[in-house]
């Protein structure tokens, strides 16, 4: 069972408890956490002022040692939510757009981890991000502390005990060589299909034989109109159609929840009930998805 819990309410955040910030102690690994939920609008220094806000660029924490995407505000979001930099050995990238990938930021992150903790950082990316990051590593002489691995659709990346990610095709055609990830998380399968248009047939085919326990999907434009020939993103209608199709094909349980993220900046209190009426769960910065047996 997967249950959403409020990171600022009934379940304390790591920032409040200090559990993830203390790298010498135990770490809870029964949750995924949204560190950012915003689409690629203008960059603003990370300083959310509300308890439920859509403020930082989309980024997911996969305990105990992985994050997905690393934009300019990545380190600020990690500090805000108490995610220890020492622990984050792995960074997965979905694609090359600025709100998902910033080479100087990940280079500084990896350098600091090496100097402070003597720990190498591993980056996994498809061709476009791999080439750009590999070039940045070579120019900075950073190979000692940042290892970059190129991945392709079908590859499976072992991240920690009980945690792995399989690379899937992405329908985000406005970026070169984009990918999605199917997360294996302590016996559950979570589809991370963020920053994408409506999936194509190959996207469904890649999920054959799987039964998804939860979906995390793009819904950039919410109730706005989307021309699929001009936008690589989705709205409420497209997400609902995707959910219906994936369940019709037997690729997800009928009860599998769908969390929407990569959103234009919205008033959460006003928008969340609309999403809920459609059977969608609107994510916000800091929200945890608790994974329970």
C-alpha atoms as a PDB file:
ATOM      1  CA  UNK A   1       0.000   0.000   0.000  1.00  0.00           C
ATOM      2  CA  UNK A   2       1.190   3.532  -0.760  1.00  0.00           C
ATOM      3  CA  UNK A   3      -0.088   6.331   1.398  1.00  0.00           C
ATOM      4  CA  UNK A   4       0.503  10.065   0.966  1.00  0.00           C
ATOM      5  CA  UNK A   5       1.463  11.846   4.151  1.00  0.00           C
ATOM      6  CA  UNK A   6       2.018  15.499   4.840  1.00  0.00           C
ATOM      7  CA  UNK A   7       5.705  16.245   5.342  1.00  0.00           C
ATOM      8  CA  UNK A   8       4.835  19.338   7.336  1.00  0.00           C
ATOM      9  CA  UNK A   9       1.987  17.864   9.323  1.00  0.00           C
ATOM     10  CA  UNK A  10       1.262  14.399  10.592  1.00  0.00           C
ATOM     11  CA  UNK A  11       4.598  12.956   9.515  1.00  0.00           C
ATOM     12  CA  UNK A  12       7.663  15.027  10.521  1.00  0.00           C
ATOM     13  CA  UNK A  13      10.147  15.909   7.819  1.00  0.00           C
ATOM     14  CA  UNK A  14      13.799  15.007   8.044  1.00  0.00           C
ATOM     15  CA  UNK A  15      14.406  18.739   8.397  1.00  0.00           C
ATOM     16  CA  UNK A  16      12.354  18.667  11.586  1.00  0.00           C
ATOM     17  CA  UNK A  17      13.749  15.451  13.039  1.00  0.00           C
ATOM     18  CA  UNK A  18      17.319  15.602  11.742  1.00  0.00           C
ATOM     19  CA  UNK A  19      17.254  11.898  10.910  1.00  0.00           C
ATOM     20  CA  UNK A  20      18.518  12.238   7.346  1.00  0.00           C
ATOM     21  CA  UNK A  21      20.907  15.043   8.134  1.00  0.00           C
ATOM     22  CA  UNK A  22      22.751  12.837  10.625  1.00  0.00           C
ATOM     23  CA  UNK A  23      24.646  10.538   8.305  1.00  0.00           C
ATOM     24  CA  UNK A  24      25.983   8.413  11.163  1.00  0.00           C
ATOM     25  CA  UNK A  25      22.534   7.284  12.332  1.00  0.00           C
ATOM     26  CA  UNK A  26      19.766   5.163  10.846  1.00  0.00           C
ATOM     27  CA  UNK A  27      17.629   6.486   8.037  1.00  0.00           C
ATOM     28  CA  UNK A  28      14.003   5.719   7.293  1.00  0.00           C
ATOM     29  CA  UNK A  29      13.654   4.307   3.780  1.00  0.00           C
ATOM     30  CA  UNK A  30       9.916   3.675   3.618  1.00  0.00           C
ATOM     31  CA  UNK A  31       9.028   6.844   1.723  1.00  0.00           C
ATOM     32  CA  UNK A  32       9.661   8.806  -1.426  1.00  0.00           C
ATOM     33  CA  UNK A  33       9.750  12.574  -1.110  1.00  0.00           C
ATOM     34  CA  UNK A  34       9.085  15.374  -3.565  1.00  0.00           C
ATOM     35  CA  UNK A  35      11.809  17.983  -3.048  1.00  0.00           C
ATOM     36  CA  UNK A  36      10.376  20.198  -5.786  1.00  0.00           C
ATOM     37  CA  UNK A  37       7.211  20.133  -7.874  1.00  0.00           C
ATOM     38  CA  UNK A  38       7.379  23.156 -10.191  1.00  0.00           C
ATOM     39  CA  UNK A  39       7.676  23.223 -13.965  1.00  0.00           C
ATOM     40  CA  UNK A  40      10.415  25.160 -15.740  1.00  0.00           C
ATOM     41  CA  UNK A  41       9.379  28.728 -15.117  1.00  0.00           C
ATOM     42  CA  UNK A  42      11.845  31.408 -14.061  1.00  0.00           C
ATOM     43  CA  UNK A  43      14.508  30.546 -11.482  1.00  0.00           C
ATOM     44  CA  UNK A  44      13.836  31.867  -7.988  1.00  0.00           C
ATOM     45  CA  UNK A  45      16.101  31.231  -5.008  1.00  0.00           C
ATOM     46  CA  UNK A  46      14.563  28.394  -3.030  1.00  0.00           C
ATOM     47  CA  UNK A  47      12.660  29.859  -0.077  1.00  0.00           C
ATOM     48  CA  UNK A  48       9.089  28.516   0.028  1.00  0.00           C
ATOM     49  CA  UNK A  49       6.891  30.525   2.339  1.00  0.00           C
ATOM     50  CA  UNK A  50       3.848  28.283   2.691  1.00  0.00           C
ATOM     51  CA  UNK A  51       3.287  24.870   4.207  1.00  0.00           C
ATOM     52  CA  UNK A  52       2.083  23.374   0.923  1.00  0.00           C
ATOM     53  CA  UNK A  53       3.703  25.053  -2.045  1.00  0.00           C
ATOM     54  CA  UNK A  54       4.859  24.355  -5.583  1.00  0.00           C
ATOM     55  CA  UNK A  55       8.070  26.322  -5.590  1.00  0.00           C
ATOM     56  CA  UNK A  56      11.197  24.348  -6.560  1.00  0.00           C
ATOM     57  CA  UNK A  57      11.937  22.585  -9.832  1.00  0.00           C
ATOM     58  CA  UNK A  58      10.750  18.979  -9.944  1.00  0.00           C
ATOM     59  CA  UNK A  59      13.046  16.669  -8.015  1.00  0.00           C
ATOM     60  CA  UNK A  60      12.444  13.372  -6.213  1.00  0.00           C
ATOM     61  CA  UNK A  61      14.321  11.919  -3.248  1.00  0.00           C
ATOM     62  CA  UNK A  62      14.570   8.118  -3.317  1.00  0.00           C
ATOM     63  CA  UNK A  63      16.032   7.008   0.028  1.00  0.00           C
ATOM     64  CA  UNK A  64      18.520   6.117   1.108  1.00  0.00           C
ATOM     65  CA  UNK A  65      20.967   7.466  -1.486  1.00  0.00           C
ATOM     66  CA  UNK A  66      19.384   8.755  -4.706  1.00  0.00           C
ATOM     67  CA  UNK A  67      17.731  11.815  -6.220  1.00  0.00           C
ATOM     68  CA  UNK A  68      16.157  12.235  -9.643  1.00  0.00           C
ATOM     69  CA  UNK A  69      17.207  15.401 -11.510  1.00  0.00           C
ATOM     70  CA  UNK A  70      19.524  18.129 -10.302  1.00  0.00           C
ATOM     71  CA  UNK A  71      18.764  21.704 -11.336  1.00  0.00           C
ATOM     72  CA  UNK A  72      20.249  24.982 -10.139  1.00  0.00           C
ATOM     73  CA  UNK A  73      18.176  24.939  -6.957  1.00  0.00           C
ATOM     74  CA  UNK A  74      18.882  21.267  -6.105  1.00  0.00           C
ATOM     75  CA  UNK A  75      21.254  21.808  -3.187  1.00  0.00           C
ATOM     76  CA  UNK A  76      19.023  24.463  -1.624  1.00  0.00           C
ATOM     77  CA  UNK A  77      16.068  22.077  -1.759  1.00  0.00           C
ATOM     78  CA  UNK A  78      18.089  19.280  -0.187  1.00  0.00           C
ATOM     79  CA  UNK A  79      19.201  21.527   2.658  1.00  0.00           C
ATOM     80  CA  UNK A  80      15.665  22.807   3.203  1.00  0.00           C
ATOM     81  CA  UNK A  81      14.220  19.301   3.450  1.00  0.00           C
ATOM     82  CA  UNK A  82      17.072  17.884   5.485  1.00  0.00           C
ATOM     83  CA  UNK A  83      18.415  15.479   2.851  1.00  0.00           C
ATOM     84  CA  UNK A  84      22.034  14.785   3.719  1.00  0.00           C
ATOM     85  CA  UNK A  85      24.430  15.483   0.856  1.00  0.00           C
ATOM     86  CA  UNK A  86      26.754  12.843   2.237  1.00  0.00           C
ATOM     87  CA  UNK A  87      24.152  10.155   1.655  1.00  0.00           C
ATOM     88  CA  UNK A  88      23.293  11.007  -1.954  1.00  0.00           C
ATOM     89  CA  UNK A  89      25.611   8.775  -3.956  1.00  0.00           C
ATOM     90  CA  UNK A  90      23.404   8.572  -7.055  1.00  0.00           C
ATOM     91  CA  UNK A  91      21.799  11.168  -9.305  1.00  0.00           C
ATOM     92  CA  UNK A  92      19.480  10.077 -12.123  1.00  0.00           C
ATOM     93  CA  UNK A  93      18.650  12.480 -14.946  1.00  0.00           C
ATOM     94  CA  UNK A  94      15.498  12.479 -17.055  1.00  0.00           C
ATOM     95  CA  UNK A  95      16.612  14.990 -19.698  1.00  0.00           C
ATOM     96  CA  UNK A  96      18.670  18.079 -20.452  1.00  0.00           C
ATOM     97  CA  UNK A  97      16.287  21.002 -19.844  1.00  0.00           C
ATOM     98  CA  UNK A  98      17.552  23.597 -17.365  1.00  0.00           C
ATOM     99  CA  UNK A  99      14.950  22.787 -14.697  1.00  0.00           C
ATOM    100  CA  UNK A 100      16.218  19.193 -14.558  1.00  0.00           C
ATOM    101  CA  UNK A 101      19.937  19.453 -15.277  1.00  0.00           C
ATOM    102  CA  UNK A 102      22.579  22.018 -14.347  1.00  0.00           C
ATOM    103  CA  UNK A 103      26.168  20.886 -14.806  1.00  0.00           C
ATOM    104  CA  UNK A 104      27.875  23.498 -12.551  1.00  0.00           C
ATOM    105  CA  UNK A 105      25.537  22.645  -9.667  1.00  0.00           C
ATOM    106  CA  UNK A 106      26.138  18.911  -9.756  1.00  0.00           C
ATOM    107  CA  UNK A 107      29.877  19.457 -10.212  1.00  0.00           C
ATOM    108  CA  UNK A 108      30.040  21.615  -7.084  1.00  0.00           C
ATOM    109  CA  UNK A 109      27.912  19.079  -5.225  1.00  0.00           C
ATOM    110  CA  UNK A 110      30.161  16.175  -6.207  1.00  0.00           C
ATOM    111  CA  UNK A 111      33.338  18.122  -5.452  1.00  0.00           C
ATOM    112  CA  UNK A 112      32.139  19.058  -1.982  1.00  0.00           C
ATOM    113  CA  UNK A 113      31.120  15.460  -1.197  1.00  0.00           C
ATOM    114  CA  UNK A 114      34.559  14.266  -2.238  1.00  0.00           C
ATOM    115  CA  UNK A 115      36.409  16.882  -0.217  1.00  0.00           C
ATOM    116  CA  UNK A 116      34.230  16.629   2.890  1.00  0.00           C
ATOM    117  CA  UNK A 117      33.322  12.938   2.987  1.00  0.00           C
ATOM    118  CA  UNK A 118      35.673  11.240   0.499  1.00  0.00           C
ATOM    119  CA  UNK A 119      32.636   9.887  -1.370  1.00  0.00           C
ATOM    120  CA  UNK A 120      32.315   9.701  -5.141  1.00  0.00           C
ATOM    121  CA  UNK A 121      29.054  10.734  -6.792  1.00  0.00           C
ATOM    122  CA  UNK A 122      27.545   8.628  -9.574  1.00  0.00           C
ATOM    123  CA  UNK A 123      25.432  10.263 -12.292  1.00  0.00           C
ATOM    124  CA  UNK A 124      23.263   8.214 -14.662  1.00  0.00           C
ATOM    125  CA  UNK A 125      21.979   9.862 -17.828  1.00  0.00           C
ATOM    126  CA  UNK A 126      20.971   9.151 -21.399  1.00  0.00           C
ATOM    127  CA  UNK A 127      23.003  10.373 -24.355  1.00  0.00           C
ATOM    128  CA  UNK A 128      22.387  14.145 -24.304  1.00  0.00           C
ATOM    129  CA  UNK A 129      22.949  14.774 -20.594  1.00  0.00           C
ATOM    130  CA  UNK A 130      25.718  12.174 -20.518  1.00  0.00           C
ATOM    131  CA  UNK A 131      27.660  13.974 -23.277  1.00  0.00           C
ATOM    132  CA  UNK A 132      27.222  17.406 -21.698  1.00  0.00           C
ATOM    133  CA  UNK A 133      28.118  16.221 -18.223  1.00  0.00           C
ATOM    134  CA  UNK A 134      31.066  14.150 -19.413  1.00  0.00           C
ATOM    135  CA  UNK A 135      32.443  17.209 -21.205  1.00  0.00           C
ATOM    136  CA  UNK A 136      32.014  19.298 -18.049  1.00  0.00           C
ATOM    137  CA  UNK A 137      33.771  16.624 -15.996  1.00  0.00           C
ATOM    138  CA  UNK A 138      36.719  16.549 -18.381  1.00  0.00           C
ATOM    139  CA  UNK A 139      37.023  20.349 -18.474  1.00  0.00           C
ATOM    140  CA  UNK A 140      36.912  20.553 -14.667  1.00  0.00           C
ATOM    141  CA  UNK A 141      39.175  17.572 -14.053  1.00  0.00           C
ATOM    142  CA  UNK A 142      36.356  16.074 -11.989  1.00  0.00           C
ATOM    143  CA  UNK A 143      36.574  12.397 -12.944  1.00  0.00           C
ATOM    144  CA  UNK A 144      37.906  11.476  -9.519  1.00  0.00           C
ATOM    145  CA  UNK A 145      34.783  12.616  -7.705  1.00  0.00           C
ATOM    146  CA  UNK A 146      32.009  12.444 -10.348  1.00  0.00           C
ATOM    147  CA  UNK A 147      31.495   9.261 -12.352  1.00  0.00           C
ATOM    148  CA  UNK A 148      29.093   9.600 -15.297  1.00  0.00           C
ATOM    149  CA  UNK A 149      27.409   6.519 -16.763  1.00  0.00           C
ATOM    150  CA  UNK A 150      25.400   6.529 -19.974  1.00  0.00           C
ATOM    151  CA  UNK A 151      22.115   4.630 -19.797  1.00  0.00           C
ATOM    152  CA  UNK A 152      19.673   3.493 -22.444  1.00  0.00           C
ATOM    153  CA  UNK A 153      16.089   2.313 -22.454  1.00  0.00           C
ATOM    154  CA  UNK A 154      15.883  -1.094 -20.803  1.00  0.00           C
ATOM    155  CA  UNK A 155      18.876  -0.638 -18.511  1.00  0.00           C
ATOM    156  CA  UNK A 156      18.358  -1.450 -14.839  1.00  0.00           C
ATOM    157  CA  UNK A 157      20.311   0.563 -12.264  1.00  0.00           C
ATOM    158  CA  UNK A 158      20.818  -0.995  -8.824  1.00  0.00           C
ATOM    159  CA  UNK A 159      20.795   1.859  -6.295  1.00  0.00           C
ATOM    160  CA  UNK A 160      20.584   0.272  -2.831  1.00  0.00           C
ATOM    161  CA  UNK A 161      19.217  -2.838  -1.141  1.00  0.00           C
ATOM    162  CA  UNK A 162      15.658  -3.188  -2.380  1.00  0.00           C
ATOM    163  CA  UNK A 163      15.920  -0.084  -4.583  1.00  0.00           C
ATOM    164  CA  UNK A 164      16.529   0.048  -8.346  1.00  0.00           C
ATOM    165  CA  UNK A 165      15.469   1.987 -11.437  1.00  0.00           C
ATOM    166  CA  UNK A 166      14.753   0.712 -14.925  1.00  0.00           C
ATOM    167  CA  UNK A 167      15.147   3.190 -17.791  1.00  0.00           C
ATOM    168  CA  UNK A 168      11.990   3.692 -19.869  1.00  0.00           C
ATOM    169  CA  UNK A 169      11.245   5.637 -23.051  1.00  0.00           C
ATOM    170  CA  UNK A 170       9.839   9.131 -22.560  1.00  0.00           C
ATOM    171  CA  UNK A 171       7.383  11.007 -24.739  1.00  0.00           C
ATOM    172  CA  UNK A 172       8.897  14.402 -23.920  1.00  0.00           C
ATOM    173  CA  UNK A 173       9.759  15.073 -27.551  1.00  0.00           C
ATOM    174  CA  UNK A 174      10.799  18.708 -26.953  1.00  0.00           C
ATOM    175  CA  UNK A 175      14.054  17.466 -25.381  1.00  0.00           C
ATOM    176  CA  UNK A 176      16.621  15.151 -27.006  1.00  0.00           C
ATOM    177  CA  UNK A 177      17.004  11.603 -25.605  1.00  0.00           C
ATOM    178  CA  UNK A 178      14.628  11.968 -22.629  1.00  0.00           C
ATOM    179  CA  UNK A 179      13.877   9.012 -20.344  1.00  0.00           C
ATOM    180  CA  UNK A 180      11.497   7.977 -17.594  1.00  0.00           C
ATOM    181  CA  UNK A 181      12.160   5.580 -14.735  1.00  0.00           C
ATOM    182  CA  UNK A 182      10.339   2.634 -13.256  1.00  0.00           C
ATOM    183  CA  UNK A 183      11.388   2.575  -9.622  1.00  0.00           C
ATOM    184  CA  UNK A 184      11.579  -0.657  -7.670  1.00  0.00           C
ATOM    185  CA  UNK A 185      11.191   0.414  -4.076  1.00  0.00           C
ATOM    186  CA  UNK A 186      11.073  -2.240  -1.371  1.00  0.00           C
ATOM    187  CA  UNK A 187       8.780  -4.550  -3.296  1.00  0.00           C
ATOM    188  CA  UNK A 188       6.694  -1.837  -4.978  1.00  0.00           C
ATOM    189  CA  UNK A 189       6.857  -0.446  -8.509  1.00  0.00           C
ATOM    190  CA  UNK A 190       6.461   3.308  -8.983  1.00  0.00           C
ATOM    191  CA  UNK A 191       6.372   4.870 -12.441  1.00  0.00           C
ATOM    192  CA  UNK A 192       8.180   8.224 -12.596  1.00  0.00           C
ATOM    193  CA  UNK A 193       6.983   9.827 -15.839  1.00  0.00           C
ATOM    194  CA  UNK A 194       7.622  13.510 -15.238  1.00  0.00           C
ATOM    195  CA  UNK A 195       7.908  16.301 -17.806  1.00  0.00           C
ATOM    196  CA  UNK A 196       6.271  14.444 -20.670  1.00  0.00           C
ATOM    197  CA  UNK A 197       3.508  14.467 -23.223  1.00  0.00           C
ATOM    198  CA  UNK A 198       0.909  11.739 -23.595  1.00  0.00           C
ATOM    199  CA  UNK A 199       2.750   8.416 -23.843  1.00  0.00           C
ATOM    200  CA  UNK A 200       3.208   6.643 -27.130  1.00  0.00           C
ATOM    201  CA  UNK A 201       2.795   2.939 -27.776  1.00  0.00           C
ATOM    202  CA  UNK A 202       6.426   2.164 -26.977  1.00  0.00           C
ATOM    203  CA  UNK A 203       5.886   3.630 -23.530  1.00  0.00           C
ATOM    204  CA  UNK A 204       3.130   1.168 -22.773  1.00  0.00           C
ATOM    205  CA  UNK A 205       5.078  -1.696 -24.368  1.00  0.00           C
ATOM    206  CA  UNK A 206       8.051  -1.071 -22.074  1.00  0.00           C
ATOM    207  CA  UNK A 207       5.803  -1.727 -19.081  1.00  0.00           C
ATOM    208  CA  UNK A 208       4.646  -5.143 -20.280  1.00  0.00           C
ATOM    209  CA  UNK A 209       4.772  -7.692 -17.476  1.00  0.00           C
ATOM    210  CA  UNK A 210       4.743  -5.064 -14.739  1.00  0.00           C
ATOM    211  CA  UNK A 211       2.000  -4.076 -12.343  1.00  0.00           C
ATOM    212  CA  UNK A 212       2.515  -0.512 -11.166  1.00  0.00           C
ATOM    213  CA  UNK A 213       1.646   0.339  -7.567  1.00  0.00           C
ATOM    214  CA  UNK A 214       1.723   4.124  -8.023  1.00  0.00           C
ATOM    215  CA  UNK A 215       2.240   6.670 -10.784  1.00  0.00           C
ATOM    216  CA  UNK A 216       4.032  10.012 -10.616  1.00  0.00           C
ATOM    217  CA  UNK A 217       3.251  11.949 -13.767  1.00  0.00           C
ATOM    218  CA  UNK A 218       3.538  15.295 -15.458  1.00  0.00           C
ATOM    219  CA  UNK A 219       0.518  17.604 -15.337  1.00  0.00           C
ATOM    220  CA  UNK A 220       2.188  20.887 -16.188  1.00  0.00           C
ATOM    221  CA  UNK A 221      -0.841  22.743 -17.471  1.00  0.00           C
ATOM    222  CA  UNK A 222      -3.522  21.432 -15.069  1.00  0.00           C
ATOM    223  CA  UNK A 223      -6.848  22.552 -16.595  1.00  0.00           C
ATOM    224  CA  UNK A 224      -5.229  24.532 -19.412  1.00  0.00           C
ATOM    225  CA  UNK A 225      -5.603  23.562 -23.042  1.00  0.00           C
ATOM    226  CA  UNK A 226      -2.697  21.618 -24.537  1.00  0.00           C
ATOM    227  CA  UNK A 227      -1.936  21.133 -28.195  1.00  0.00           C
ATOM    228  CA  UNK A 228      -0.090  17.799 -28.254  1.00  0.00           C
ATOM    229  CA  UNK A 229       1.650  18.790 -31.483  1.00  0.00           C
ATOM    230  CA  UNK A 230       3.241  21.824 -29.847  1.00  0.00           C
ATOM    231  CA  UNK A 231       3.752  20.859 -26.211  1.00  0.00           C
ATOM    232  CA  UNK A 232       5.648  18.048 -24.554  1.00  0.00           C
ATOM    233  CA  UNK A 233       3.459  18.231 -21.459  1.00  0.00           C
ATOM    234  CA  UNK A 234       0.063  17.133 -20.154  1.00  0.00           C
ATOM    235  CA  UNK A 235      -3.069  18.514 -18.531  1.00  0.00           C
ATOM    236  CA  UNK A 236      -5.750  16.947 -16.311  1.00  0.00           C
ATOM    237  CA  UNK A 237      -7.598  15.361 -19.232  1.00  0.00           C
ATOM    238  CA  UNK A 238      -4.473  13.797 -20.709  1.00  0.00           C
ATOM    239  CA  UNK A 239      -3.344  12.408 -17.358  1.00  0.00           C
ATOM    240  CA  UNK A 240      -6.766  10.890 -16.700  1.00  0.00           C
ATOM    241  CA  UNK A 241      -6.737   9.290 -20.153  1.00  0.00           C
ATOM    242  CA  UNK A 242      -3.243   7.922 -19.496  1.00  0.00           C
ATOM    243  CA  UNK A 243      -4.327   6.476 -16.154  1.00  0.00           C
ATOM    244  CA  UNK A 244      -7.374   4.853 -17.711  1.00  0.00           C
ATOM    245  CA  UNK A 245      -5.334   3.324 -20.518  1.00  0.00           C
ATOM    246  CA  UNK A 246      -2.588   1.977 -18.307  1.00  0.00           C
ATOM    247  CA  UNK A 247      -5.145   0.331 -16.022  1.00  0.00           C
ATOM    248  CA  UNK A 248      -7.173  -0.973 -18.973  1.00  0.00           C
ATOM    249  CA  UNK A 249      -4.036  -2.721 -20.212  1.00  0.00           C
ATOM    250  CA  UNK A 250      -3.514  -4.343 -16.820  1.00  0.00           C
ATOM    251  CA  UNK A 251      -0.258  -2.463 -16.206  1.00  0.00           C
ATOM    252  CA  UNK A 252      -1.444  -1.027 -12.887  1.00  0.00           C
ATOM    253  CA  UNK A 253      -3.848  -1.977 -10.144  1.00  0.00           C
ATOM    254  CA  UNK A 254      -7.247  -0.301 -10.370  1.00  0.00           C
ATOM    255  CA  UNK A 255      -6.531   1.338  -7.016  1.00  0.00           C
ATOM    256  CA  UNK A 256      -3.051   2.612  -7.961  1.00  0.00           C
ATOM    257  CA  UNK A 257      -2.814   6.306  -7.021  1.00  0.00           C
ATOM    258  CA  UNK A 258      -1.549   8.934  -9.438  1.00  0.00           C
ATOM    259  CA  UNK A 259       0.472  11.883  -8.133  1.00  0.00           C
ATOM    260  CA  UNK A 260       0.793  14.862 -10.452  1.00  0.00           C
ATOM    261  CA  UNK A 261       3.865  17.082 -10.421  1.00  0.00           C
ATOM    262  CA  UNK A 262       5.927  19.376 -12.677  1.00  0.00           C
ATOM    263  CA  UNK A 263       3.178  21.967 -12.288  1.00  0.00           C
ATOM    264  CA  UNK A 264       2.896  25.582 -13.230  1.00  0.00           C
ATOM    265  CA  UNK A 265       2.963  27.671 -10.080  1.00  0.00           C
ATOM    266  CA  UNK A 266      -0.474  27.322  -8.516  1.00  0.00           C
ATOM    267  CA  UNK A 267      -2.426  28.017  -5.375  1.00  0.00           C
ATOM    268  CA  UNK A 268      -2.344  24.529  -3.865  1.00  0.00           C
ATOM    269  CA  UNK A 269      -5.369  25.025  -1.610  1.00  0.00           C
ATOM    270  CA  UNK A 270      -7.480  26.045  -4.593  1.00  0.00           C
ATOM    271  CA  UNK A 271      -6.172  23.541  -7.139  1.00  0.00           C
ATOM    272  CA  UNK A 272      -5.810  20.384  -5.039  1.00  0.00           C
ATOM    273  CA  UNK A 273      -9.560  19.763  -4.582  1.00  0.00           C
ATOM    274  CA  UNK A 274     -10.067  19.997  -8.351  1.00  0.00           C
ATOM    275  CA  UNK A 275      -7.398  17.381  -8.920  1.00  0.00           C
ATOM    276  CA  UNK A 276      -8.826  15.194  -6.172  1.00  0.00           C
ATOM    277  CA  UNK A 277     -12.266  15.252  -7.795  1.00  0.00           C
ATOM    278  CA  UNK A 278     -10.606  13.834 -10.918  1.00  0.00           C
ATOM    279  CA  UNK A 279      -8.956  11.038  -8.950  1.00  0.00           C
ATOM    280  CA  UNK A 280      -5.530  12.697  -8.969  1.00  0.00           C
ATOM    281  CA  UNK A 281      -3.303  13.595  -6.030  1.00  0.00           C
ATOM    282  CA  UNK A 282      -1.522  16.921  -6.400  1.00  0.00           C
ATOM    283  CA  UNK A 283       2.046  16.847  -5.134  1.00  0.00           C
ATOM    284  CA  UNK A 284       3.759  19.737  -3.388  1.00  0.00           C
ATOM    285  CA  UNK A 285       7.274  20.411  -2.151  1.00  0.00           C
ATOM    286  CA  UNK A 286       8.090  18.127   0.761  1.00  0.00           C
ATOM    287  CA  UNK A 287       5.216  15.674   0.260  1.00  0.00           C
ATOM    288  CA  UNK A 288       6.114  12.117   1.162  1.00  0.00           C
ATOM    289  CA  UNK A 289       4.651   8.982  -0.370  1.00  0.00           C
ATOM    290  CA  UNK A 290       4.881   6.445   2.410  1.00  0.00           C
ATOM    291  CA  UNK A 291       5.388   2.886   1.190  1.00  0.00           C
ATOM    292  CA  UNK A 292       3.805   0.314   3.470  1.00  0.00           C
ATOM    293  CA  UNK A 293       3.429  -3.465   3.012  1.00  0.00           C
END
